[in-house]
Amino acid sequence: MDRSLRTASRRVVLCALLAAVTLVLQLAMSPLPNIEPVSLLVMVYALVFGRQVFYIIFPFVLLEGLVFGFHIWWVSYLYVWPLWAAAVLLLRRGGDRPPMVWAVVSGAFGLSFGALCALPYLAGGPWAALSYWIAGIPFDLLHCAGNFFLALTLERPLCQLLKRLREG
């Protein structure tokens, strides 16, 4: 097998594995209300793998639909996770950032998550989307806090671990 095919095969396997790990960790943390590892992992994947993060996100979103069903919330995952990855990719352009910056940005993403997920509900009218968003604000606050603390404590160690995996 030539080197380029081996490299491409390794990349496909790694992306599939990371998508599966993301789903398993999300399921493991599901008893905690809106405290989830997906935001952290998408951020770390974007920081370590760059644009390849999208090869991890879309299989993860597909797995989510297969596990939980393809409902209206699933539509929002098609754009929310890629949007988050794109934001991280843009922010990393300025060079290495301290963990506090990533924690604040991740917390802000958690706070805005409900508003972003409310967009498909516009099909029911603006009041449907607004109602959905307002009803979820307490969960967005928990999401914000969870994202903040997970990013603050785990962003650096996970980036270091994944960089070793990428190079190994």
Protein backbone atom coordinates (compact mmCIF):
# COMPACT_ATOMS: atom_id res chain seq x y z
CA MET A 1 0.00 0.00 0.00
CA ASP A 2 1.50 3.33 -0.92
CA ARG A 3 2.07 6.01 1.70
CA SER A 4 -0.68 8.42 0.53
CA LEU A 5 -3.34 5.70 0.65
CA ARG A 6 -2.16 4.63 4.10
CA THR A 7 -2.32 8.25 5.29
CA ALA A 8 -5.81 8.75 3.84
CA SER A 9 -7.02 5.48 5.38
CA ARG A 10 -5.60 6.47 8.76
CA ARG A 11 -7.36 9.84 8.53
CA VAL A 12 -10.74 8.21 7.71
CA VAL A 13 -10.42 5.77 10.61
CA LEU A 14 -9.37 8.53 13.01
CA CYS A 15 -12.28 10.79 12.01
CA ALA A 16 -14.78 7.93 12.37
CA LEU A 17 -13.31 6.98 15.74
CA LEU A 18 -13.47 10.57 17.02
CA ALA A 19 -17.10 10.91 15.86
CA ALA A 20 -17.96 7.70 17.74
CA VAL A 21 -16.04 8.84 20.84
CA THR A 22 -17.96 12.11 20.77
CA LEU A 23 -21.30 10.28 20.70
CA VAL A 24 -20.30 7.82 23.45
CA LEU A 25 -19.09 10.61 25.74
CA GLN A 26 -22.25 12.59 25.08
CA LEU A 27 -24.37 9.58 26.00
CA ALA A 28 -22.28 8.98 29.12
CA MET A 29 -22.85 12.56 30.30
CA SER A 30 -26.52 12.68 29.27
CA PRO A 31 -27.82 12.44 32.87
CA LEU A 32 -26.36 15.92 33.48
CA PRO A 33 -28.72 18.62 32.16
CA ASN A 34 -27.06 20.37 29.20
CA ILE A 35 -23.57 19.65 30.42
CA GLU A 36 -22.04 17.84 27.50
CA PRO A 37 -18.61 17.22 26.01
CA VAL A 38 -19.55 17.85 22.37
CA SER A 39 -18.82 21.59 22.41
CA LEU A 40 -15.42 20.97 23.98
CA LEU A 41 -14.57 18.13 21.60
CA VAL A 42 -15.59 20.04 18.47
CA MET A 43 -13.46 22.95 19.67
CA VAL A 44 -10.46 20.71 20.36
CA TYR A 45 -10.88 18.84 17.07
CA ALA A 46 -10.94 22.17 15.21
CA LEU A 47 -7.84 23.38 17.05
CA VAL A 48 -5.89 20.18 16.39
CA PHE A 49 -7.17 19.00 13.00
CA GLY A 50 -8.20 22.28 11.37
CA ARG A 51 -10.78 21.95 8.59
CA GLN A 52 -10.77 18.17 8.96
CA VAL A 53 -13.06 18.77 11.94
CA PHE A 54 -15.97 18.70 9.49
CA TYR A 55 -15.15 15.07 8.65
CA ILE A 56 -15.76 14.35 12.34
CA ILE A 57 -18.83 16.54 12.84
CA PHE A 58 -21.02 15.18 10.05
CA PRO A 59 -20.63 11.49 10.97
CA PHE A 60 -21.34 12.49 14.59
CA VAL A 61 -24.53 14.30 13.53
CA LEU A 62 -25.59 11.28 11.47
CA LEU A 63 -24.97 9.00 14.46
CA GLU A 64 -27.06 11.34 16.62
CA GLY A 65 -29.95 10.98 14.19
CA LEU A 66 -29.60 7.21 14.11
CA VAL A 67 -29.59 6.99 17.93
CA PHE A 68 -32.22 9.61 18.79
CA GLY A 69 -34.23 9.90 15.58
CA PHE A 70 -34.30 12.48 12.84
CA HIS A 71 -36.56 15.13 14.37
CA ILE A 72 -36.60 18.90 13.99
CA TRP A 73 -33.83 19.35 16.58
CA TRP A 74 -31.58 17.24 14.34
CA VAL A 75 -31.82 19.82 11.55
CA SER A 76 -30.22 22.39 13.83
CA TYR A 77 -27.26 20.06 14.47
CA LEU A 78 -26.51 20.17 10.74
CA TYR A 79 -25.55 23.85 11.06
CA VAL A 80 -24.89 24.47 14.79
CA TRP A 81 -21.85 22.18 15.12
CA PRO A 82 -20.25 23.28 11.82
CA LEU A 83 -20.88 26.91 12.78
CA TRP A 84 -19.15 26.34 16.13
CA ALA A 85 -16.21 24.66 14.38
CA ALA A 86 -15.97 27.54 11.88
CA ALA A 87 -15.95 30.07 14.75
CA VAL A 88 -13.12 28.19 16.45
CA LEU A 89 -11.17 27.99 13.19
CA LEU A 90 -11.52 31.75 12.75
CA LEU A 91 -10.46 32.48 16.32
CA ARG A 92 -7.41 30.23 16.18
CA ARG A 93 -6.00 32.28 13.27
CA GLY A 94 -4.50 34.79 15.66
CA GLY A 95 -2.23 32.15 17.18
CA ASP A 96 -2.28 30.25 20.43
CA ARG A 97 -4.84 31.48 22.92
CA PRO A 98 -4.89 30.93 26.69
CA PRO A 99 -7.42 28.44 28.11
CA MET A 100 -9.48 31.29 29.61
CA VAL A 101 -10.19 32.67 26.13
CA TRP A 102 -11.42 29.29 24.91
CA ALA A 103 -13.47 28.87 28.09
CA VAL A 104 -15.21 32.23 27.61
CA VAL A 105 -15.86 31.58 23.92
CA SER A 106 -17.16 28.09 24.66
CA GLY A 107 -19.41 29.45 27.40
CA ALA A 108 -20.78 32.06 25.01
CA PHE A 109 -21.50 29.31 22.48
CA GLY A 110 -23.37 27.34 25.18
CA LEU A 111 -25.41 30.42 26.03
CA SER A 112 -26.34 30.97 22.39
CA PHE A 113 -27.05 27.30 21.67
CA GLY A 114 -30.80 27.52 22.31
CA ALA A 115 -31.20 30.58 20.10
CA LEU A 116 -29.31 28.84 17.29
CA CYS A 117 -31.40 25.68 17.70
CA ALA A 118 -34.62 27.71 17.61
CA LEU A 119 -34.15 28.65 13.95
CA PRO A 120 -35.88 25.53 12.49
CA TYR A 121 -38.90 26.36 14.63
CA LEU A 122 -39.38 29.50 12.54
CA ALA A 123 -41.29 27.16 10.23
CA GLY A 124 -44.05 27.36 12.84
CA GLY A 125 -43.80 31.13 12.93
CA PRO A 126 -41.67 33.60 14.87
CA TRP A 127 -43.62 33.00 18.10
CA ALA A 128 -42.88 29.27 17.95
CA ALA A 129 -39.16 29.93 17.64
CA LEU A 130 -39.21 32.61 20.34
CA SER A 131 -41.17 30.35 22.70
CA TYR A 132 -38.75 27.49 22.10
CA TRP A 133 -35.77 29.72 22.80
CA ILE A 134 -37.21 31.38 25.94
CA ALA A 135 -38.30 28.03 27.42
CA GLY A 136 -34.74 26.77 27.05
CA ILE A 137 -32.88 29.70 28.62
CA PRO A 138 -32.35 27.91 31.98
CA PHE A 139 -30.76 25.03 30.07
CA ASP A 140 -28.64 27.48 28.06
CA LEU A 141 -27.30 28.89 31.33
CA LEU A 142 -26.29 25.39 32.43
CA HIS A 143 -24.81 24.76 28.99
CA CYS A 144 -22.80 27.98 29.31
CA ALA A 145 -21.42 27.03 32.73
CA GLY A 146 -20.65 23.46 31.69
CA ASN A 147 -18.89 24.56 28.51
CA PHE A 148 -16.88 27.17 30.41
CA PHE A 149 -15.55 24.79 33.05
CA LEU A 150 -14.95 21.88 30.68
CA ALA A 151 -12.99 24.12 28.29
CA LEU A 152 -11.05 25.77 31.10
CA THR A 153 -9.90 22.46 32.57
CA LEU A 154 -9.69 20.12 29.57
CA GLU A 155 -8.87 22.14 26.42
CA ARG A 156 -5.08 22.07 26.87
CA PRO A 157 -4.70 18.41 27.95
CA LEU A 158 -7.02 17.18 25.19
CA CYS A 159 -5.23 19.24 22.53
CA GLN A 160 -1.89 17.81 23.64
CA LEU A 161 -3.25 14.25 23.61
CA LEU A 162 -4.80 14.61 20.15
CA LYS A 163 -1.67 16.22 18.72
CA ARG A 164 0.28 13.15 19.82
CA LEU A 165 -2.37 10.90 18.26
CA ARG A 166 -2.28 12.88 15.01
CA GLU A 167 1.48 12.67 14.74
CA GLY A 168 1.86 9.09 16.01
